[in-house]
Amino acid sequence: MSRVAAGDADAFRHLVTRHTPMVHAIAWRMLGDAVEAEDVVQETFVKLWVNAKGWTSAGGGLGGWLRRIATNGCLDRLRRARFVSDEGLPERVDEALPADVAIDGERRRAAVAASIHALPDRQRAAIVLTYYEGVPNAEAASILGIGVKALESLLVRARQALTRSLAGKGLLTEGAGE
């Protein structure tokens, strides 16, 4: 980061290459739109370049800082008027699976994604950061600007809402979400 702060484009390019997959994954999972996710990635790295001189390693290092910027960028976009895209979520099918298994798996994946996108913004952010990105609770709480107990409360409410949603779609057996 000190090289980036000094204007070293190669160092910046290295950080972009290294951290883009993580930043894009957060943005795509929170926004569900590839174009919007790419915009958040670009905005995140513009902020890294512009604010490199003021960056400190406290608070989860560079990865934690980039997660915070990306999450806040997603939350800002979610607070704005919702953009409706006619582009569906990208499908990912493993050709080695039998067709019926692949179709059932895709149906479940789409139902889970829809249920996650139906969550309130902060609950969605908590789920994405902790379960999809594997961010420890303390770091996720810091990214969201809340305490660990508040994060845990968000996660409990999010899991309950997901259980109700998936049970209503017939995807959970009795007692599976408890």
Protein backbone atom coordinates (compact mmCIF):
# COMPACT_ATOMS: atom_id res chain seq x y z
CA MET A 1 0.00 0.00 0.00
CA SER A 2 2.90 2.37 0.58
CA ARG A 3 3.91 1.85 -3.06
CA VAL A 4 0.34 2.55 -4.19
CA ALA A 5 0.30 5.68 -2.02
CA ALA A 6 3.46 6.78 -3.86
CA GLY A 7 1.65 6.37 -7.18
CA ASP A 8 3.10 2.97 -8.22
CA ALA A 9 0.69 1.70 -10.90
CA ASP A 10 2.23 -1.81 -10.91
CA ALA A 11 1.61 -2.18 -7.18
CA PHE A 12 -1.95 -0.98 -7.68
CA ARG A 13 -2.46 -3.43 -10.56
CA HIS A 14 -1.19 -6.25 -8.32
CA LEU A 15 -3.68 -5.36 -5.54
CA VAL A 16 -6.55 -5.09 -8.03
CA THR A 17 -5.72 -8.51 -9.51
CA ARG A 18 -5.41 -10.07 -6.08
CA HIS A 19 -8.56 -8.62 -4.47
CA THR A 20 -11.03 -8.26 -7.36
CA PRO A 21 -12.51 -11.78 -7.00
CA MET A 22 -13.34 -11.19 -3.31
CA VAL A 23 -14.78 -7.71 -3.90
CA HIS A 24 -16.82 -8.88 -6.90
CA ALA A 25 -18.19 -11.88 -4.98
CA ILE A 26 -19.47 -9.64 -2.19
CA ALA A 27 -21.01 -7.18 -4.63
CA TRP A 28 -22.64 -9.82 -6.82
CA ARG A 29 -24.11 -11.70 -3.89
CA MET A 30 -25.48 -8.55 -2.30
CA LEU A 31 -26.80 -6.94 -5.48
CA GLY A 32 -27.63 -9.93 -7.68
CA ASP A 33 -26.76 -7.93 -10.77
CA ALA A 34 -23.47 -8.40 -12.65
CA VAL A 35 -23.34 -4.85 -14.04
CA GLU A 36 -24.01 -3.25 -10.66
CA ALA A 37 -21.43 -5.56 -9.05
CA GLU A 38 -18.80 -4.50 -11.59
CA ASP A 39 -19.57 -0.85 -10.84
CA VAL A 40 -19.05 -1.48 -7.11
CA VAL A 41 -15.73 -3.21 -7.86
CA GLN A 42 -14.55 -0.23 -9.90
CA GLU A 43 -15.68 2.26 -7.27
CA THR A 44 -13.94 0.24 -4.55
CA PHE A 45 -10.61 0.27 -6.34
CA VAL A 46 -10.92 3.95 -7.27
CA LYS A 47 -11.32 4.63 -3.54
CA LEU A 48 -8.26 2.46 -2.83
CA TRP A 49 -6.18 4.52 -5.30
CA VAL A 50 -7.48 7.89 -4.12
CA ASN A 51 -7.26 7.12 -0.39
CA ALA A 52 -4.06 5.03 -0.37
CA LYS A 53 -2.09 7.71 1.49
CA GLY A 54 -4.55 7.73 4.39
CA TRP A 55 -4.84 3.93 4.71
CA THR A 56 -3.72 2.23 7.92
CA SER A 57 -3.44 -1.50 8.56
CA ALA A 58 -5.77 -1.37 11.58
CA GLY A 59 -9.20 -2.98 11.41
CA GLY A 60 -8.69 -6.17 9.44
CA GLY A 61 -5.94 -5.14 7.06
CA LEU A 62 -6.41 -4.33 3.40
CA GLY A 63 -8.91 -7.15 2.81
CA GLY A 64 -11.11 -5.94 5.63
CA TRP A 65 -10.90 -2.36 4.39
CA LEU A 66 -11.86 -3.38 0.85
CA ARG A 67 -14.75 -5.52 2.18
CA ARG A 68 -16.01 -2.51 4.14
CA ILE A 69 -15.83 -0.22 1.11
CA ALA A 70 -17.55 -2.79 -1.13
CA THR A 71 -20.26 -3.57 1.44
CA ASN A 72 -20.97 0.11 2.01
CA GLY A 73 -21.08 0.68 -1.75
CA CYS A 74 -23.62 -2.14 -2.09
CA LEU A 75 -25.72 -0.82 0.80
CA ASP A 76 -25.71 2.65 -0.78
CA ARG A 77 -26.92 1.19 -4.08
CA LEU A 78 -29.61 -0.84 -2.30
CA ARG A 79 -30.87 2.28 -0.51
CA ARG A 80 -31.26 4.12 -3.82
CA ALA A 81 -34.21 3.45 -6.07
CA ARG A 82 -34.12 -0.21 -7.00
CA PHE A 83 -32.86 -1.00 -10.48
CA VAL A 84 -34.82 -3.73 -12.16
CA SER A 85 -32.92 -5.78 -14.69
CA ASP A 86 -34.45 -8.20 -17.13
CA GLU A 87 -31.21 -10.15 -17.07
CA GLY A 88 -31.58 -13.33 -15.00
CA LEU A 89 -29.07 -14.64 -12.53
CA PRO A 90 -26.26 -16.49 -14.25
CA GLU A 91 -26.75 -20.22 -14.31
CA ARG A 92 -23.96 -22.58 -13.38
CA VAL A 93 -24.56 -26.21 -14.27
CA ASP A 94 -22.13 -29.04 -13.64
CA GLU A 95 -22.34 -31.18 -16.79
CA ALA A 96 -21.29 -34.29 -14.88
CA LEU A 97 -24.56 -34.34 -12.93
CA PRO A 98 -27.68 -36.10 -14.21
CA ALA A 99 -30.20 -33.63 -15.63
CA ASP A 100 -32.84 -34.19 -12.91
CA VAL A 101 -30.28 -33.58 -10.16
CA ALA A 102 -28.97 -30.47 -11.90
CA ILE A 103 -32.49 -29.08 -12.40
CA ASP A 104 -33.47 -29.72 -8.78
CA GLY A 105 -30.21 -28.17 -7.56
CA GLU A 106 -30.73 -25.10 -9.73
CA ARG A 107 -34.31 -24.74 -8.47
CA ARG A 108 -33.08 -24.86 -4.88
CA ARG A 109 -30.22 -22.44 -5.59
CA ALA A 110 -32.56 -19.97 -7.25
CA ALA A 111 -35.00 -20.24 -4.33
CA VAL A 112 -32.22 -19.65 -1.79
CA ALA A 113 -30.85 -16.69 -3.81
CA ALA A 114 -34.35 -15.20 -4.08
CA SER A 115 -34.90 -15.69 -0.35
CA ILE A 116 -31.57 -14.00 0.45
CA HIS A 117 -32.38 -11.09 -1.86
CA ALA A 118 -35.75 -10.70 -0.10
CA LEU A 119 -34.01 -10.09 3.24
CA PRO A 120 -33.64 -6.55 4.58
CA ASP A 121 -30.36 -5.03 3.35
CA ARG A 122 -28.37 -5.30 6.58
CA GLN A 123 -29.49 -8.89 7.21
CA ARG A 124 -28.44 -9.75 3.65
CA ALA A 125 -25.06 -8.11 4.19
CA ALA A 126 -24.56 -10.09 7.43
CA ILE A 127 -25.41 -13.38 5.66
CA VAL A 128 -23.18 -12.66 2.66
CA LEU A 129 -20.20 -11.59 4.76
CA THR A 130 -20.34 -14.42 7.30
CA TYR A 131 -21.63 -17.41 5.33
CA TYR A 132 -20.55 -16.75 1.74
CA GLU A 133 -17.33 -14.83 2.35
CA GLY A 134 -16.32 -16.58 5.59
CA VAL A 135 -15.60 -13.30 7.36
CA PRO A 136 -15.35 -13.77 11.16
CA ASN A 137 -18.21 -12.22 13.15
CA ALA A 138 -16.01 -9.54 14.74
CA GLU A 139 -14.75 -8.39 11.34
CA ALA A 140 -18.23 -8.53 9.77
CA ALA A 141 -19.57 -6.46 12.66
CA SER A 142 -16.80 -3.92 12.12
CA ILE A 143 -17.53 -3.76 8.38
CA LEU A 144 -21.20 -3.09 9.10
CA GLY A 145 -20.35 -0.57 11.84
CA ILE A 146 -22.16 -2.51 14.59
CA GLY A 147 -21.25 -4.59 17.61
CA VAL A 148 -20.81 -8.38 17.54
CA LYS A 149 -24.04 -8.90 19.51
CA ALA A 150 -25.97 -6.77 17.00
CA LEU A 151 -24.45 -8.80 14.14
CA GLU A 152 -25.44 -12.04 15.84
CA SER A 153 -28.97 -10.67 16.26
CA LEU A 154 -29.06 -9.78 12.53
CA LEU A 155 -27.90 -13.32 11.69
CA VAL A 156 -30.56 -14.93 13.92
CA ARG A 157 -33.32 -12.86 12.31
CA ALA A 158 -31.95 -13.53 8.83
CA ARG A 159 -31.78 -17.30 9.41
CA GLN A 160 -35.33 -17.30 10.79
CA ALA A 161 -36.59 -15.36 7.77
CA LEU A 162 -34.74 -17.71 5.40
CA THR A 163 -36.17 -20.75 7.17
CA ARG A 164 -39.71 -19.38 6.87
CA SER A 165 -39.19 -18.44 3.24
CA LEU A 166 -37.70 -21.78 2.21
CA ALA A 167 -40.27 -23.76 4.19
CA GLY A 168 -43.01 -21.80 2.44
CA LYS A 169 -41.48 -22.90 -0.88
CA GLY A 170 -41.43 -26.53 0.26
CA LEU A 171 -37.64 -26.73 0.36
CA LEU A 172 -37.21 -27.57 4.04
CA THR A 173 -38.42 -30.65 5.80
CA GLU A 174 -40.09 -30.30 9.18
CA GLY A 175 -37.57 -29.34 11.88
CA ALA A 176 -34.70 -28.75 9.38
CA GLY A 177 -34.41 -25.05 10.14
CA GLU A 178 -34.47 -25.37 13.91
